Amino acid sequence: MLVAVSAVGRVAWRGRRREGGGGSALTAGVAGQPGTADQEARLRELLRTGPTDRRGYVRVHPEDYPGLTQQRAARIAWETGLRAEAFGNRGSWRFAETVVEEVPHEP
């Protein structure tokens, strides 16, 4: 039991130390933090040029954009002429010109 408690403590300590490092992936979700603008630019580029699946969706993996919320990604997609799908995503974000149920993109 002592080993388990010390392992949890070490993991928590390492996570805290990593958060204090500045522009890490863990702190990139806060607006104005380094990396957020870069992630938005990469998402815009992917939405403009990314491949579509057989149903016409551009699939995006949210773990590639830890600084963006789904609502922010929906807003970026709306700005590029696409809509964000809110239904049946199975762990990914889907964007297309027409969707079944749209993610609200207004703040």
PDB file of N, CA and C in Angstrom:
ATOM      1  N   MET A   1       0.819  -1.182   0.000  1.00  0.00           N
ATOM      2  CA  MET A   1       0.000   0.000   0.000  1.00  0.00           C
ATOM      3  C   MET A   1       0.871   1.257   0.000  1.00  0.00           C
ATOM      4  N   LEU A   2       1.973   1.210   0.733  1.00  0.00           N
ATOM      5  CA  LEU A   2       2.883   2.342   0.785  1.00  0.00           C
ATOM      6  C   LEU A   2       3.491   2.612  -0.596  1.00  0.00           C
ATOM      7  N   VAL A   3       3.800   1.577  -1.338  1.00  0.00           N
ATOM      8  CA  VAL A   3       4.354   1.738  -2.679  1.00  0.00           C
ATOM      9  C   VAL A   3       3.339   2.407  -3.606  1.00  0.00           C
ATOM     10  N   ALA A   4       2.084   1.993  -3.507  1.00  0.00           N
ATOM     11  CA  ALA A   4       1.043   2.577  -4.352  1.00  0.00           C
ATOM     12  C   ALA A   4       0.853   4.060  -4.039  1.00  0.00           C
ATOM     13  N   VAL A   5       0.826   4.416  -2.764  1.00  0.00           N
ATOM     14  CA  VAL A   5       0.651   5.807  -2.373  1.00  0.00           C
ATOM     15  C   VAL A   5       1.840   6.640  -2.839  1.00  0.00           C
ATOM     16  N   SER A   6       3.041   6.127  -2.702  1.00  0.00           N
ATOM     17  CA  SER A   6       4.216   6.881  -3.134  1.00  0.00           C
ATOM     18  C   SER A   6       4.251   7.014  -4.657  1.00  0.00           C
ATOM     19  N   ALA A   7       3.790   6.016  -5.390  1.00  0.00           N
ATOM     20  CA  ALA A   7       3.744   6.098  -6.852  1.00  0.00           C
ATOM     21  C   ALA A   7       2.756   7.177  -7.296  1.00  0.00           C
ATOM     22  N   VAL A   8       1.608   7.234  -6.663  1.00  0.00           N
ATOM     23  CA  VAL A   8       0.621   8.265  -6.995  1.00  0.00           C
ATOM     24  C   VAL A   8       1.179   9.647  -6.670  1.00  0.00           C
ATOM     25  N   GLY A   9       1.850   9.771  -5.556  1.00  0.00           N
ATOM     26  CA  GLY A   9       2.453  11.043  -5.175  1.00  0.00           C
ATOM     27  C   GLY A   9       3.507  11.493  -6.171  1.00  0.00           C
ATOM     28  N   ARG A  10       4.313  10.572  -6.645  1.00  0.00           N
ATOM     29  CA  ARG A  10       5.355  10.918  -7.607  1.00  0.00           C
ATOM     30  C   ARG A  10       4.752  11.355  -8.936  1.00  0.00           C
ATOM     31  N   VAL A  11       3.742  10.639  -9.394  1.00  0.00           N
ATOM     32  CA  VAL A  11       3.092  11.015 -10.645  1.00  0.00           C
ATOM     33  C   VAL A  11       2.471  12.404 -10.522  1.00  0.00           C
ATOM     34  N   ALA A  12       1.829  12.691  -9.403  1.00  0.00           N
ATOM     35  CA  ALA A  12       1.230  14.010  -9.195  1.00  0.00           C
ATOM     36  C   ALA A  12       2.311  15.090  -9.148  1.00  0.00           C
ATOM     37  N   TRP A  13       3.426  14.820  -8.510  1.00  0.00           N
ATOM     38  CA  TRP A  13       4.516  15.785  -8.422  1.00  0.00           C
ATOM     39  C   TRP A  13       5.109  16.064  -9.795  1.00  0.00           C
ATOM     40  N   ARG A  14       5.326  15.011 -10.584  1.00  0.00           N
ATOM     41  CA  ARG A  14       5.885  15.192 -11.928  1.00  0.00           C
ATOM     42  C   ARG A  14       4.915  15.979 -12.808  1.00  0.00           C
ATOM     43  N   GLY A  15       3.618  15.725 -12.664  1.00  0.00           N
ATOM     44  CA  GLY A  15       2.623  16.461 -13.446  1.00  0.00           C
ATOM     45  C   GLY A  15       2.605  17.934 -13.098  1.00  0.00           C
ATOM     46  N   ARG A  16       2.713  18.244 -11.818  1.00  0.00           N
ATOM     47  CA  ARG A  16       2.743  19.629 -11.384  1.00  0.00           C
ATOM     48  C   ARG A  16       3.994  20.339 -11.877  1.00  0.00           C
ATOM     49  N   ARG A  17       5.109  19.648 -11.821  1.00  0.00           N
ATOM     50  CA  ARG A  17       6.371  20.217 -12.279  1.00  0.00           C
ATOM     51  C   ARG A  17       6.310  20.506 -13.776  1.00  0.00           C
ATOM     52  N   ARG A  18       5.693  19.607 -14.530  1.00  0.00           N
ATOM     53  CA  ARG A  18       5.574  19.769 -15.974  1.00  0.00           C
ATOM     54  C   ARG A  18       4.650  20.942 -16.308  1.00  0.00           C
ATOM     55  N   GLU A  19       3.580  21.160 -15.533  1.00  0.00           N
ATOM     56  CA  GLU A  19       2.659  22.269 -15.778  1.00  0.00           C
ATOM     57  C   GLU A  19       3.338  23.614 -15.598  1.00  0.00           C
ATOM     58  N   GLY A  20       4.242  23.704 -14.677  1.00  0.00           N
ATOM     59  CA  GLY A  20       4.913  24.965 -14.414  1.00  0.00           C
ATOM     60  C   GLY A  20       5.950  25.322 -15.450  1.00  0.00           C
ATOM     61  N   GLY A  21       6.168  24.501 -16.443  1.00  0.00           N
ATOM     62  CA  GLY A  21       7.209  24.716 -17.432  1.00  0.00           C
ATOM     63  C   GLY A  21       6.913  25.768 -18.474  1.00  0.00           C
ATOM     64  N   GLY A  22       5.747  26.377 -18.501  1.00  0.00           N
ATOM     65  CA  GLY A  22       5.466  27.431 -19.473  1.00  0.00           C
ATOM     66  C   GLY A  22       4.553  26.941 -20.572  1.00  0.00           C
ATOM     67  N   GLY A  23       5.111  26.630 -21.725  1.00  0.00           N
ATOM     68  CA  GLY A  23       4.297  26.309 -22.884  1.00  0.00           C
ATOM     69  C   GLY A  23       4.081  24.828 -23.085  1.00  0.00           C
ATOM     70  N   SER A  24       3.864  24.083 -22.046  1.00  0.00           N
ATOM     71  CA  SER A  24       3.644  22.651 -22.202  1.00  0.00           C
ATOM     72  C   SER A  24       2.255  22.382 -22.751  1.00  0.00           C
ATOM     73  N   ALA A  25       2.022  21.169 -23.181  1.00  0.00           N
ATOM     74  CA  ALA A  25       0.715  20.794 -23.732  1.00  0.00           C
ATOM     75  C   ALA A  25      -0.367  20.873 -22.664  1.00  0.00           C
ATOM     76  N   LEU A  26      -0.004  20.751 -21.400  1.00  0.00           N
ATOM     77  CA  LEU A  26      -0.992  20.780 -20.336  1.00  0.00           C
ATOM     78  C   LEU A  26      -1.513  22.186 -20.081  1.00  0.00           C
ATOM     79  N   THR A  27      -0.711  23.217 -20.354  1.00  0.00           N
ATOM     80  CA  THR A  27      -1.148  24.584 -20.120  1.00  0.00           C
ATOM     81  C   THR A  27      -1.571  25.285 -21.392  1.00  0.00           C
ATOM     82  N   ALA A  28      -1.510  24.615 -22.530  1.00  0.00           N
ATOM     83  CA  ALA A  28      -1.823  25.263 -23.799  1.00  0.00           C
ATOM     84  C   ALA A  28      -3.303  25.562 -23.948  1.00  0.00           C
ATOM     85  N   GLY A  29      -4.169  25.009 -23.104  1.00  0.00           N
ATOM     86  CA  GLY A  29      -5.596  25.222 -23.228  1.00  0.00           C
ATOM     87  C   GLY A  29      -6.069  26.581 -22.766  1.00  0.00           C
ATOM     88  N   VAL A  30      -5.236  27.330 -22.066  1.00  0.00           N
ATOM     89  CA  VAL A  30      -5.613  28.635 -21.574  1.00  0.00           C
ATOM     90  C   VAL A  30      -5.376  29.652 -22.692  1.00  0.00           C
ATOM     91  N   ALA A  31      -6.370  30.485 -22.942  1.00  0.00           N
ATOM     92  CA  ALA A  31      -6.241  31.467 -24.017  1.00  0.00           C
ATOM     93  C   ALA A  31      -5.035  32.354 -23.762  1.00  0.00           C
ATOM     94  N   GLY A  32      -4.281  32.621 -24.799  1.00  0.00           N
ATOM     95  CA  GLY A  32      -3.104  33.457 -24.677  1.00  0.00           C
ATOM     96  C   GLY A  32      -1.839  32.689 -24.370  1.00  0.00           C
ATOM     97  N   GLN A  33      -1.942  31.424 -24.065  1.00  0.00           N
ATOM     98  CA  GLN A  33      -0.763  30.619 -23.795  1.00  0.00           C
ATOM     99  C   GLN A  33      -0.068  30.275 -25.104  1.00  0.00           C
ATOM    100  N   PRO A  34       1.243  30.081 -25.083  1.00  0.00           N
ATOM    101  CA  PRO A  34       1.957  29.705 -26.296  1.00  0.00           C
ATOM    102  C   PRO A  34       1.420  28.385 -26.854  1.00  0.00           C
ATOM    103  N   GLY A  35       1.304  28.317 -28.151  1.00  0.00           N
ATOM    104  CA  GLY A  35       0.870  27.088 -28.788  1.00  0.00           C
ATOM    105  C   GLY A  35      -0.566  27.104 -29.247  1.00  0.00           C
ATOM    106  N   THR A  36      -1.419  27.918 -28.614  1.00  0.00           N
ATOM    107  CA  THR A  36      -2.824  27.933 -28.991  1.00  0.00           C
ATOM    108  C   THR A  36      -3.005  28.505 -30.398  1.00  0.00           C
ATOM    109  N   ALA A  37      -2.332  29.603 -30.711  1.00  0.00           N
ATOM    110  CA  ALA A  37      -2.440  30.201 -32.042  1.00  0.00           C
ATOM    111  C   ALA A  37      -1.887  29.256 -33.098  1.00  0.00           C
ATOM    112  N   ASP A  38      -0.814  28.552 -32.763  1.00  0.00           N
ATOM    113  CA  ASP A  38      -0.235  27.584 -33.687  1.00  0.00           C
ATOM    114  C   ASP A  38      -1.215  26.437 -33.959  1.00  0.00           C
ATOM    115  N   GLN A  39      -1.882  25.978 -32.916  1.00  0.00           N
ATOM    116  CA  GLN A  39      -2.857  24.895 -33.081  1.00  0.00           C
ATOM    117  C   GLN A  39      -4.034  25.354 -33.930  1.00  0.00           C
ATOM    118  N   GLU A  40      -4.480  26.589 -33.734  1.00  0.00           N
ATOM    119  CA  GLU A  40      -5.572  27.117 -34.546  1.00  0.00           C
ATOM    120  C   GLU A  40      -5.167  27.212 -36.008  1.00  0.00           C
ATOM    121  N   ALA A  41      -3.951  27.658 -36.263  1.00  0.00           N
ATOM    122  CA  ALA A  41      -3.467  27.756 -37.646  1.00  0.00           C
ATOM    123  C   ALA A  41      -3.363  26.376 -38.290  1.00  0.00           C
ATOM    124  N   ARG A  42      -2.870  25.392 -37.536  1.00  0.00           N
ATOM    125  CA  ARG A  42      -2.777  24.027 -38.077  1.00  0.00           C
ATOM    126  C   ARG A  42      -4.152  23.458 -38.368  1.00  0.00           C
ATOM    127  N   LEU A  43      -5.138  23.746 -37.491  1.00  0.00           N
ATOM    128  CA  LEU A  43      -6.496  23.257 -37.716  1.00  0.00           C
ATOM    129  C   LEU A  43      -7.109  23.912 -38.954  1.00  0.00           C
ATOM    130  N   ARG A  44      -6.915  25.218 -39.116  1.00  0.00           N
ATOM    131  CA  ARG A  44      -7.431  25.906 -40.310  1.00  0.00           C
ATOM    132  C   ARG A  44      -6.853  25.297 -41.584  1.00  0.00           C
ATOM    133  N   GLU A  45      -5.554  25.047 -41.574  1.00  0.00           N
ATOM    134  CA  GLU A  45      -4.901  24.454 -42.744  1.00  0.00           C
ATOM    135  C   GLU A  45      -5.448  23.058 -43.027  1.00  0.00           C
ATOM    136  N   LEU A  46      -5.630  22.257 -41.994  1.00  0.00           N
ATOM    137  CA  LEU A  46      -6.168  20.912 -42.172  1.00  0.00           C
ATOM    138  C   LEU A  46      -7.592  20.953 -42.707  1.00  0.00           C
ATOM    139  N   LEU A  47      -8.400  21.881 -42.221  1.00  0.00           N
ATOM    140  CA  LEU A  47      -9.776  21.983 -42.688  1.00  0.00           C
ATOM    141  C   LEU A  47      -9.850  22.435 -44.144  1.00  0.00           C
ATOM    142  N   ARG A  48      -8.889  23.248 -44.574  1.00  0.00           N
ATOM    143  CA  ARG A  48      -8.870  23.692 -45.972  1.00  0.00           C
ATOM    144  C   ARG A  48      -8.355  22.609 -46.909  1.00  0.00           C
ATOM    145  N   THR A  49      -7.353  21.864 -46.490  1.00  0.00           N
ATOM    146  CA  THR A  49      -6.677  20.942 -47.411  1.00  0.00           C
ATOM    147  C   THR A  49      -6.760  19.479 -47.016  1.00  0.00           C
ATOM    148  N   GLY A  50      -7.361  19.180 -45.876  1.00  0.00           N
ATOM    149  CA  GLY A  50      -7.374  17.810 -45.365  1.00  0.00           C
ATOM    150  C   GLY A  50      -8.213  16.859 -46.200  1.00  0.00           C
ATOM    151  N   PRO A  51      -7.873  15.589 -46.158  1.00  0.00           N
ATOM    152  CA  PRO A  51      -8.643  14.595 -46.907  1.00  0.00           C
ATOM    153  C   PRO A  51      -9.998  14.348 -46.255  1.00  0.00           C
ATOM    154  N   THR A  52     -10.975  13.986 -47.056  1.00  0.00           N
ATOM    155  CA  THR A  52     -12.306  13.676 -46.538  1.00  0.00           C
ATOM    156  C   THR A  52     -12.533  12.180 -46.621  1.00  0.00           C
ATOM    157  N   ASP A  53     -13.404  11.684 -45.738  1.00  0.00           N
ATOM    158  CA  ASP A  53     -13.748  10.268 -45.791  1.00  0.00           C
ATOM    159  C   ASP A  53     -14.856  10.068 -46.827  1.00  0.00           C
ATOM    160  N   ARG A  54     -15.369   8.868 -46.930  1.00  0.00           N
ATOM    161  CA  ARG A  54     -16.351   8.577 -47.979  1.00  0.00           C
ATOM    162  C   ARG A  54     -17.669   9.317 -47.790  1.00  0.00           C
ATOM    163  N   ARG A  55     -17.923   9.829 -46.597  1.00  0.00           N
ATOM    164  CA  ARG A  55     -19.142  10.601 -46.342  1.00  0.00           C
ATOM    165  C   ARG A  55     -18.925  12.106 -46.462  1.00  0.00           C
ATOM    166  N   GLY A  56     -17.710  12.508 -46.761  1.00  0.00           N
ATOM    167  CA  GLY A  56     -17.418  13.925 -46.944  1.00  0.00           C
ATOM    168  C   GLY A  56     -16.947  14.659 -45.707  1.00  0.00           C
ATOM    169  N   TYR A  57     -16.636  13.938 -44.642  1.00  0.00           N
ATOM    170  CA  TYR A  57     -16.176  14.553 -43.401  1.00  0.00           C
ATOM    171  C   TYR A  57     -14.658  14.646 -43.360  1.00  0.00           C
ATOM    172  N   VAL A  58     -14.165  15.753 -42.823  1.00  0.00           N
ATOM    173  CA  VAL A  58     -12.757  15.874 -42.460  1.00  0.00           C
ATOM    174  C   VAL A  58     -12.671  15.456 -41.010  1.00  0.00           C
ATOM    175  N   ARG A  59     -11.916  14.404 -40.725  1.00  0.00           N
ATOM    176  CA  ARG A  59     -11.790  13.900 -39.354  1.00  0.00           C
ATOM    177  C   ARG A  59     -10.552  14.504 -38.690  1.00  0.00           C
ATOM    178  N   VAL A  60     -10.741  14.958 -37.459  1.00  0.00           N
ATOM    179  CA  VAL A  60      -9.663  15.568 -36.678  1.00  0.00           C
ATOM    180  C   VAL A  60      -9.609  14.871 -35.327  1.00  0.00           C
ATOM    181  N   HIS A  61      -8.416  14.547 -34.887  1.00  0.00           N
ATOM    182  CA  HIS A  61      -8.235  13.918 -33.577  1.00  0.00           C
ATOM    183  C   HIS A  61      -7.999  15.010 -32.535  1.00  0.00           C
ATOM    184  N   PRO A  62      -8.888  15.136 -31.541  1.00  0.00           N
ATOM    185  CA  PRO A  62      -8.762  16.212 -30.544  1.00  0.00           C
ATOM    186  C   PRO A  62      -7.452  16.177 -29.764  1.00  0.00           C
ATOM    187  N   GLU A  63      -6.860  14.999 -29.608  1.00  0.00           N
ATOM    188  CA  GLU A  63      -5.601  14.932 -28.852  1.00  0.00           C
ATOM    189  C   GLU A  63      -4.457  15.618 -29.589  1.00  0.00           C
ATOM    190  N   ASP A  64      -4.597  15.874 -30.894  1.00  0.00           N
ATOM    191  CA  ASP A  64      -3.595  16.627 -31.639  1.00  0.00           C
ATOM    192  C   ASP A  64      -3.705  18.127 -31.391  1.00  0.00           C
ATOM    193  N   TYR A  65      -4.814  18.568 -30.795  1.00  0.00           N
ATOM    194  CA  TYR A  65      -5.074  19.977 -30.521  1.00  0.00           C
ATOM    195  C   TYR A  65      -5.518  20.149 -29.067  1.00  0.00           C
ATOM    196  N   PRO A  66      -4.622  19.915 -28.098  1.00  0.00           N
ATOM    197  CA  PRO A  66      -5.029  19.967 -26.685  1.00  0.00           C
ATOM    198  C   PRO A  66      -5.413  21.360 -26.214  1.00  0.00           C
ATOM    199  N   GLY A  67      -5.014  22.402 -26.912  1.00  0.00           N
ATOM    200  CA  GLY A  67      -5.328  23.754 -26.494  1.00  0.00           C
ATOM    201  C   GLY A  67      -6.668  24.255 -26.997  1.00  0.00           C
ATOM    202  N   LEU A  68      -7.378  23.459 -27.786  1.00  0.00           N
ATOM    203  CA  LEU A  68      -8.643  23.889 -28.359  1.00  0.00           C
ATOM    204  C   LEU A  68      -9.800  23.091 -27.797  1.00  0.00           C
ATOM    205  N   THR A  69     -10.890  23.777 -27.516  1.00  0.00           N
ATOM    206  CA  THR A  69     -12.117  23.090 -27.128  1.00  0.00           C
ATOM    207  C   THR A  69     -12.881  22.743 -28.398  1.00  0.00           C
ATOM    208  N   GLN A  70     -13.876  21.878 -28.267  1.00  0.00           N
ATOM    209  CA  GLN A  70     -14.669  21.521 -29.436  1.00  0.00           C
ATOM    210  C   GLN A  70     -15.447  22.734 -29.949  1.00  0.00           C
ATOM    211  N   GLN A  71     -15.900  23.596 -29.041  1.00  0.00           N
ATOM    212  CA  GLN A  71     -16.609  24.811 -29.474  1.00  0.00           C
ATOM    213  C   GLN A  71     -15.689  25.740 -30.257  1.00  0.00           C
ATOM    214  N   ARG A  72     -14.450  25.890 -29.810  1.00  0.00           N
ATOM    215  CA  ARG A  72     -13.501  26.752 -30.530  1.00  0.00           C
ATOM    216  C   ARG A  72     -13.186  26.149 -31.896  1.00  0.00           C
ATOM    217  N   ALA A  73     -13.029  24.835 -31.947  1.00  0.00           N
ATOM    218  CA  ALA A  73     -12.779  24.174 -33.231  1.00  0.00           C
ATOM    219  C   ALA A  73     -13.983  24.341 -34.161  1.00  0.00           C
ATOM    220  N   ALA A  74     -15.195  24.303 -33.608  1.00  0.00           N
ATOM    221  CA  ALA A  74     -16.401  24.518 -34.410  1.00  0.00           C
ATOM    222  C   ALA A  74     -16.431  25.936 -34.959  1.00  0.00           C
ATOM    223  N   ARG A  75     -15.996  26.901 -34.162  1.00  0.00           N
ATOM    224  CA  ARG A  75     -15.943  28.292 -34.627  1.00  0.00           C
ATOM    225  C   ARG A  75     -14.938  28.447 -35.762  1.00  0.00           C
ATOM    226  N   ILE A  76     -13.772  27.831 -35.625  1.00  0.00           N
ATOM    227  CA  ILE A  76     -12.751  27.892 -36.670  1.00  0.00           C
ATOM    228  C   ILE A  76     -13.273  27.240 -37.945  1.00  0.00           C
ATOM    229  N   ALA A  77     -13.958  26.111 -37.805  1.00  0.00           N
ATOM    230  CA  ALA A  77     -14.535  25.432 -38.974  1.00  0.00           C
ATOM    231  C   ALA A  77     -15.581  26.318 -39.630  1.00  0.00           C
ATOM    232  N   TRP A  78     -16.414  26.969 -38.843  1.00  0.00           N
ATOM    233  CA  TRP A  78     -17.443  27.854 -39.377  1.00  0.00           C
ATOM    234  C   TRP A  78     -16.808  28.994 -40.166  1.00  0.00           C
ATOM    235  N   GLU A  79     -15.687  29.519 -39.654  1.00  0.00           N
ATOM    236  CA  GLU A  79     -14.972  30.592 -40.349  1.00  0.00           C
ATOM    237  C   GLU A  79     -14.400  30.122 -41.686  1.00  0.00           C
ATOM    238  N   THR A  80     -14.106  28.836 -41.808  1.00  0.00           N
ATOM    239  CA  THR A  80     -13.571  28.301 -43.063  1.00  0.00           C
ATOM    240  C   THR A  80     -14.656  27.730 -43.964  1.00  0.00           C
ATOM    241  N   GLY A  81     -15.919  27.852 -43.572  1.00  0.00           N
ATOM    242  CA  GLY A  81     -17.013  27.407 -44.418  1.00  0.00           C
ATOM    243  C   GLY A  81     -17.509  26.000 -44.136  1.00  0.00           C
ATOM    244  N   LEU A  82     -17.078  25.404 -43.046  1.00  0.00           N
ATOM    245  CA  LEU A  82     -17.522  24.060 -42.677  1.00  0.00           C
ATOM    246  C   LEU A  82     -18.336  24.112 -41.391  1.00  0.00           C
ATOM    247  N   ARG A  83     -19.005  23.024 -41.098  1.00  0.00           N
ATOM    248  CA  ARG A  83     -19.765  22.894 -39.852  1.00  0.00           C
ATOM    249  C   ARG A  83     -19.208  21.709 -39.065  1.00  0.00           C
ATOM    250  N   ALA A  84     -19.306  21.782 -37.758  1.00  0.00           N
ATOM    251  CA  ALA A  84     -18.812  20.710 -36.884  1.00  0.00           C
ATOM    252  C   ALA A  84     -19.966  19.769 -36.560  1.00  0.00           C
ATOM    253  N   GLU A  85     -19.737  18.488 -36.728  1.00  0.00           N
ATOM    254  CA  GLU A  85     -20.733  17.456 -36.432  1.00  0.00           C
ATOM    255  C   GLU A  85     -20.727  17.160 -34.942  1.00  0.00           C
ATOM    256  N   ALA A  86     -21.902  17.136 -34.328  1.00  0.00           N
ATOM    257  CA  ALA A  86     -22.006  16.891 -32.891  1.00  0.00           C
ATOM    258  C   ALA A  86     -22.470  15.486 -32.566  1.00  0.00           C
ATOM    259  N   PHE A  87     -22.822  14.694 -33.547  1.00  0.00           N
ATOM    260  CA  PHE A  87     -23.436  13.397 -33.298  1.00  0.00           C
ATOM    261  C   PHE A  87     -22.572  12.269 -33.857  1.00  0.00           C
ATOM    262  N   GLY A  88     -22.332  11.233 -33.065  1.00  0.00           N
ATOM    263  CA  GLY A  88     -21.667  10.016 -33.523  1.00  0.00           C
ATOM    264  C   GLY A  88     -20.221  10.182 -33.924  1.00  0.00           C
ATOM    265  N   ASN A  89     -19.452  10.928 -33.153  1.00  0.00           N
ATOM    266  CA  ASN A  89     -18.076  11.207 -33.536  1.00  0.00           C
ATOM    267  C   ASN A  89     -17.075  10.136 -33.130  1.00  0.00           C
ATOM    268  N   ARG A  90     -17.386   9.329 -32.144  1.00  0.00           N
ATOM    269  CA  ARG A  90     -16.509   8.246 -31.683  1.00  0.00           C
ATOM    270  C   ARG A  90     -15.077   8.700 -31.395  1.00  0.00           C
ATOM    271  N   GLY A  91     -14.959   9.746 -30.606  1.00  0.00           N
ATOM    272  CA  GLY A  91     -13.637  10.183 -30.165  1.00  0.00           C
ATOM    273  C   GLY A  91     -12.908  11.103 -31.115  1.00  0.00           C
ATOM    274  N   SER A  92     -13.531  11.543 -32.178  1.00  0.00           N
ATOM    275  CA  SER A  92     -12.881  12.480 -33.080  1.00  0.00           C
ATOM    276  C   SER A  92     -13.851  13.613 -33.400  1.00  0.00           C
ATOM    277  N   TRP A  93     -13.307  14.689 -33.916  1.00  0.00           N
ATOM    278  CA  TRP A  93     -14.133  15.795 -34.385  1.00  0.00           C
ATOM    279  C   TRP A  93     -14.327  15.606 -35.875  1.00  0.00           C
ATOM    280  N   ARG A  94     -15.548  15.846 -36.359  1.00  0.00           N
ATOM    281  CA  ARG A  94     -15.825  15.720 -37.794  1.00  0.00           C
ATOM    282  C   ARG A  94     -16.379  17.038 -38.310  1.00  0.00           C
ATOM    283  N   PHE A  95     -15.913  17.430 -39.479  1.00  0.00           N
ATOM    284  CA  PHE A  95     -16.326  18.682 -40.090  1.00  0.00           C
ATOM    285  C   PHE A  95     -16.731  18.428 -41.532  1.00  0.00           C
ATOM    286  N   ALA A  96     -17.812  19.093 -41.972  1.00  0.00           N
ATOM    287  CA  ALA A  96     -18.281  18.967 -43.351  1.00  0.00           C
ATOM    288  C   ALA A  96     -19.124  20.193 -43.686  1.00  0.00           C
ATOM    289  N   GLU A  97     -19.516  20.304 -44.958  1.00  0.00           N
ATOM    290  CA  GLU A  97     -20.365  21.416 -45.364  1.00  0.00           C
ATOM    291  C   GLU A  97     -21.779  21.268 -44.822  1.00  0.00           C
ATOM    292  N   THR A  98     -22.284  20.028 -44.765  1.00  0.00           N
ATOM    293  CA  THR A  98     -23.595  19.759 -44.170  1.00  0.00           C
ATOM    294  C   THR A  98     -23.434  18.657 -43.135  1.00  0.00           C
ATOM    295  N   VAL A  99     -24.093  18.827 -42.002  1.00  0.00           N
ATOM    296  CA  VAL A  99     -23.988  17.863 -40.919  1.00  0.00           C
ATOM    297  C   VAL A  99     -25.381  17.528 -40.397  1.00  0.00           C
ATOM    298  N   VAL A 100     -25.479  16.437 -39.636  1.00  0.00           N
ATOM    299  CA  VAL A 100     -26.753  16.022 -39.057  1.00  0.00           C
ATOM    300  C   VAL A 100     -27.125  16.929 -37.892  1.00  0.00           C
ATOM    301  N   GLU A 101     -26.194  17.097 -36.962  1.00  0.00           N
ATOM    302  CA  GLU A 101     -26.412  17.945 -35.782  1.00  0.00           C
ATOM    303  C   GLU A 101     -25.164  18.785 -35.576  1.00  0.00           C
ATOM    304  N   GLU A 102     -25.309  20.108 -35.622  1.00  0.00           N
ATOM    305  CA  GLU A 102     -24.166  21.003 -35.575  1.00  0.00           C
ATOM    306  C   GLU A 102     -23.765  21.345 -34.133  1.00  0.00           C
ATOM    307  N   VAL A 103     -22.461  21.422 -33.880  1.00  0.00           N
ATOM    308  CA  VAL A 103     -21.941  21.879 -32.597  1.00  0.00           C
ATOM    309  C   VAL A 103     -22.123  23.390 -32.548  1.00  0.00           C
ATOM    310  N   PRO A 104     -22.681  23.934 -31.459  1.00  0.00           N
ATOM    311  CA  PRO A 104     -22.798  25.393 -31.379  1.00  0.00           C
ATOM    312  C   PRO A 104     -21.420  26.025 -31.297  1.00  0.00           C
ATOM    313  N   HIS A 105     -21.201  27.073 -32.086  1.00  0.00           N
ATOM    314  CA  HIS A 105     -19.885  27.697 -32.116  1.00  0.00           C
ATOM    315  C   HIS A 105     -19.863  29.102 -31.538  1.00  0.00           C
ATOM    316  N   GLU A 106     -20.988  29.567 -31.046  1.00  0.00           N
ATOM    317  CA  GLU A 106     -21.035  30.898 -30.443  1.00  0.00           C
ATOM    318  C   GLU A 106     -20.567  30.815 -28.989  1.00  0.00           C
ATOM    319  N   PRO A 107     -19.752  31.800 -28.573  1.00  0.00           N
ATOM    320  CA  PRO A 107     -19.264  31.790 -27.183  1.00  0.00           C
ATOM    321  C   PRO A 107     -20.315  32.062 -26.155  1.00  0.00           C
TER     322      PRO A 107
END
